C-alpha atoms as a PDB file:
ATOM      1  CA  MET A   1       0.000   0.000   0.000  1.00  0.00           C
ATOM      2  CA  VAL A   2       1.109   3.500  -0.773  1.00  0.00           C
ATOM      3  CA  TRP A   3       0.376   6.135   1.857  1.00  0.00           C
ATOM      4  CA  GLU A   4      -0.103   9.768   0.911  1.00  0.00           C
ATOM      5  CA  PHE A   5       0.627  12.546   3.392  1.00  0.00           C
ATOM      6  CA  SER A   6      -0.756  16.078   3.164  1.00  0.00           C
ATOM      7  CA  THR A   7      -1.771  19.122   5.175  1.00  0.00           C
ATOM      8  CA  ALA A   8      -4.746  21.441   4.778  1.00  0.00           C
ATOM      9  CA  GLU A   9      -6.250  24.409   6.560  1.00  0.00           C
ATOM     10  CA  GLU A  10      -9.635  23.252   7.881  1.00  0.00           C
ATOM     11  CA  ASP A  11     -12.266  25.163   9.896  1.00  0.00           C
ATOM     12  CA  TRP A  12     -10.466  24.273  13.173  1.00  0.00           C
ATOM     13  CA  GLY A  13      -6.898  24.922  11.921  1.00  0.00           C
ATOM     14  CA  GLU A  14      -3.975  23.207  10.243  1.00  0.00           C
ATOM     15  CA  THR A  15      -4.652  19.487   9.803  1.00  0.00           C
ATOM     16  CA  CYS A  16      -2.320  16.654   8.757  1.00  0.00           C
ATOM     17  CA  PHE A  17      -3.645  13.694   6.783  1.00  0.00           C
ATOM     18  CA  ALA A  18      -2.206  10.224   6.101  1.00  0.00           C
ATOM     19  CA  GLU A  19      -4.313   8.088   3.790  1.00  0.00           C
ATOM     20  CA  THR A  20      -4.247   5.132   1.454  1.00  0.00           C
ATOM     21  CA  LYS A  21      -6.748   3.829  -1.057  1.00  0.00           C
ATOM     22  CA  ALA A  22      -7.564   0.361  -2.405  1.00  0.00           C
ATOM     23  CA  GLY A  23     -10.263   0.297  -5.064  1.00  0.00           C
ATOM     24  CA  ASN A  24     -13.161   2.464  -3.867  1.00  0.00           C
ATOM     25  CA  VAL A  25     -12.145   2.345  -0.187  1.00  0.00           C
ATOM     26  CA  LYS A  26      -9.983   5.035   1.421  1.00  0.00           C
ATOM     27  CA  VAL A  27      -8.558   4.591   4.939  1.00  0.00           C
ATOM     28  CA  GLY A  28      -6.560   7.132   6.854  1.00  0.00           C
ATOM     29  CA  PHE A  29      -5.852   9.270   9.872  1.00  0.00           C
ATOM     30  CA  MET A  30      -5.970  12.987  10.536  1.00  0.00           C
ATOM     31  CA  GLY A  31      -4.649  15.096  13.353  1.00  0.00           C
ATOM     32  CA  SER A  32      -4.450  18.738  14.399  1.00  0.00           C
ATOM     33  CA  PRO A  33      -2.654  20.404  17.315  1.00  0.00           C
ATOM     34  CA  GLY A  34      -4.863  20.242  20.389  1.00  0.00           C
ATOM     35  CA  LYS A  35      -7.340  17.805  18.813  1.00  0.00           C
ATOM     36  CA  ASP A  36      -7.722  14.039  19.172  1.00  0.00           C
ATOM     37  CA  LEU A  37      -6.346  11.841  16.420  1.00  0.00           C
ATOM     38  CA  ALA A  38      -9.123  10.570  14.146  1.00  0.00           C
ATOM     39  CA  GLY A  39      -9.291   7.608  11.823  1.00  0.00           C
ATOM     40  CA  PHE A  40     -11.508   7.676   8.782  1.00  0.00           C
ATOM     41  CA  VAL A  41     -12.915   5.265   6.225  1.00  0.00           C
ATOM     42  CA  GLU A  42     -14.624   6.225   2.988  1.00  0.00           C
ATOM     43  CA  GLY A  43     -16.539   3.845   0.725  1.00  0.00           C
ATOM     44  CA  ALA A  44     -17.060   0.904   3.084  1.00  0.00           C
ATOM     45  CA  PHE A  45     -19.854   1.699   5.559  1.00  0.00           C
ATOM     46  CA  THR A  46     -23.342   3.113   5.809  1.00  0.00           C
ATOM     47  CA  GLY A  47     -24.871   4.390   9.052  1.00  0.00           C
ATOM     48  CA  GLU A  48     -23.264   3.838  12.435  1.00  0.00           C
ATOM     49  CA  THR A  49     -20.616   1.134  12.558  1.00  0.00           C
ATOM     50  CA  ARG A  50     -17.867  -0.369  14.690  1.00  0.00           C
ATOM     51  CA  ALA A  51     -14.374  -1.219  13.473  1.00  0.00           C
ATOM     52  CA  THR A  52     -11.283  -2.814  14.968  1.00  0.00           C
ATOM     53  CA  TRP A  53      -8.073  -0.959  14.136  1.00  0.00           C
ATOM     54  CA  SER A  54      -4.547  -2.339  14.454  1.00  0.00           C
ATOM     55  CA  ILE A  55      -1.531  -0.257  13.472  1.00  0.00           C
ATOM     56  CA  ASP A  56       1.961  -1.749  13.084  1.00  0.00           C
ATOM     57  CA  ASN A  57       1.035  -4.891  15.034  1.00  0.00           C
ATOM     58  CA  ALA A  58       0.316  -2.777  18.121  1.00  0.00           C
ATOM     59  CA  ALA A  59      -2.690  -3.200  20.376  1.00  0.00           C
ATOM     60  CA  SER A  60      -6.032  -3.240  18.582  1.00  0.00           C
ATOM     61  CA  TYR A  61      -8.617  -0.521  19.188  1.00  0.00           C
ATOM     62  CA  VAL A  62     -12.344  -1.018  18.807  1.00  0.00           C
ATOM     63  CA  SER A  63     -13.917   2.262  17.763  1.00  0.00           C
ATOM     64  CA  ASP A  64     -17.455   3.330  16.933  1.00  0.00           C
ATOM     65  CA  GLY A  65     -17.793   5.286  13.711  1.00  0.00           C
ATOM     66  CA  GLU A  66     -20.418   7.512  12.221  1.00  0.00           C
ATOM     67  CA  GLN A  67     -20.928   9.490   9.040  1.00  0.00           C
ATOM     68  CA  ASP A  68     -18.979  12.746   9.262  1.00  0.00           C
ATOM     69  CA  ASP A  69     -21.039  15.761   8.164  1.00  0.00           C
ATOM     70  CA  TYR A  70     -17.926  17.788   7.319  1.00  0.00           C
ATOM     71  CA  PHE A  71     -15.940  15.258   5.233  1.00  0.00           C
ATOM     72  CA  ASP A  72     -18.728  12.798   4.290  1.00  0.00           C
ATOM     73  CA  TRP A  73     -16.691   9.762   5.382  1.00  0.00           C
ATOM     74  CA  HIS A  74     -16.950   7.653   8.537  1.00  0.00           C
ATOM     75  CA  SER A  75     -14.903   9.101  11.403  1.00  0.00           C
ATOM     76  CA  PHE A  76     -13.493   7.132  14.338  1.00  0.00           C
ATOM     77  CA  TYR A  77     -12.074   8.849  17.443  1.00  0.00           C
ATOM     78  CA  GLN A  78     -11.346   6.320  20.196  1.00  0.00           C
ATOM     79  CA  PHE A  79      -7.596   5.861  19.602  1.00  0.00           C
ATOM     80  CA  THR A  80      -5.860   8.061  22.146  1.00  0.00           C
ATOM     81  CA  ASP A  81      -5.242   8.201  25.874  1.00  0.00           C
ATOM     82  CA  GLY A  82      -7.206  11.457  26.307  1.00  0.00           C
ATOM     83  CA  ARG A  83      -4.148  13.676  25.791  1.00  0.00           C
ATOM     84  CA  GLY A  84      -4.199  13.199  22.013  1.00  0.00           C
ATOM     85  CA  GLU A  85      -1.333  10.692  22.230  1.00  0.00           C
ATOM     86  CA  TRP A  86      -1.182   7.046  21.327  1.00  0.00           C
ATOM     87  CA  PRO A  87      -1.032   4.880  24.431  1.00  0.00           C
END
């Protein structure tokens, strides 16, 4: 998989994106200073959903996702220890 990295100025400030795409499905992460890290999936879900995430063979995280009104993808937020850092 090839990961693309970018930054953009969003309504809440500068935001970094890391994303990859396979077919019609895009998976990635976004983060901004002072905000929680978010995962996102586009093209795979409808309605509310739950996904298990595992990054680099680390601990898995079960996260509830819902359609994001701003980006129109499914956003997932339960990855951090409350300080915006990976445990």
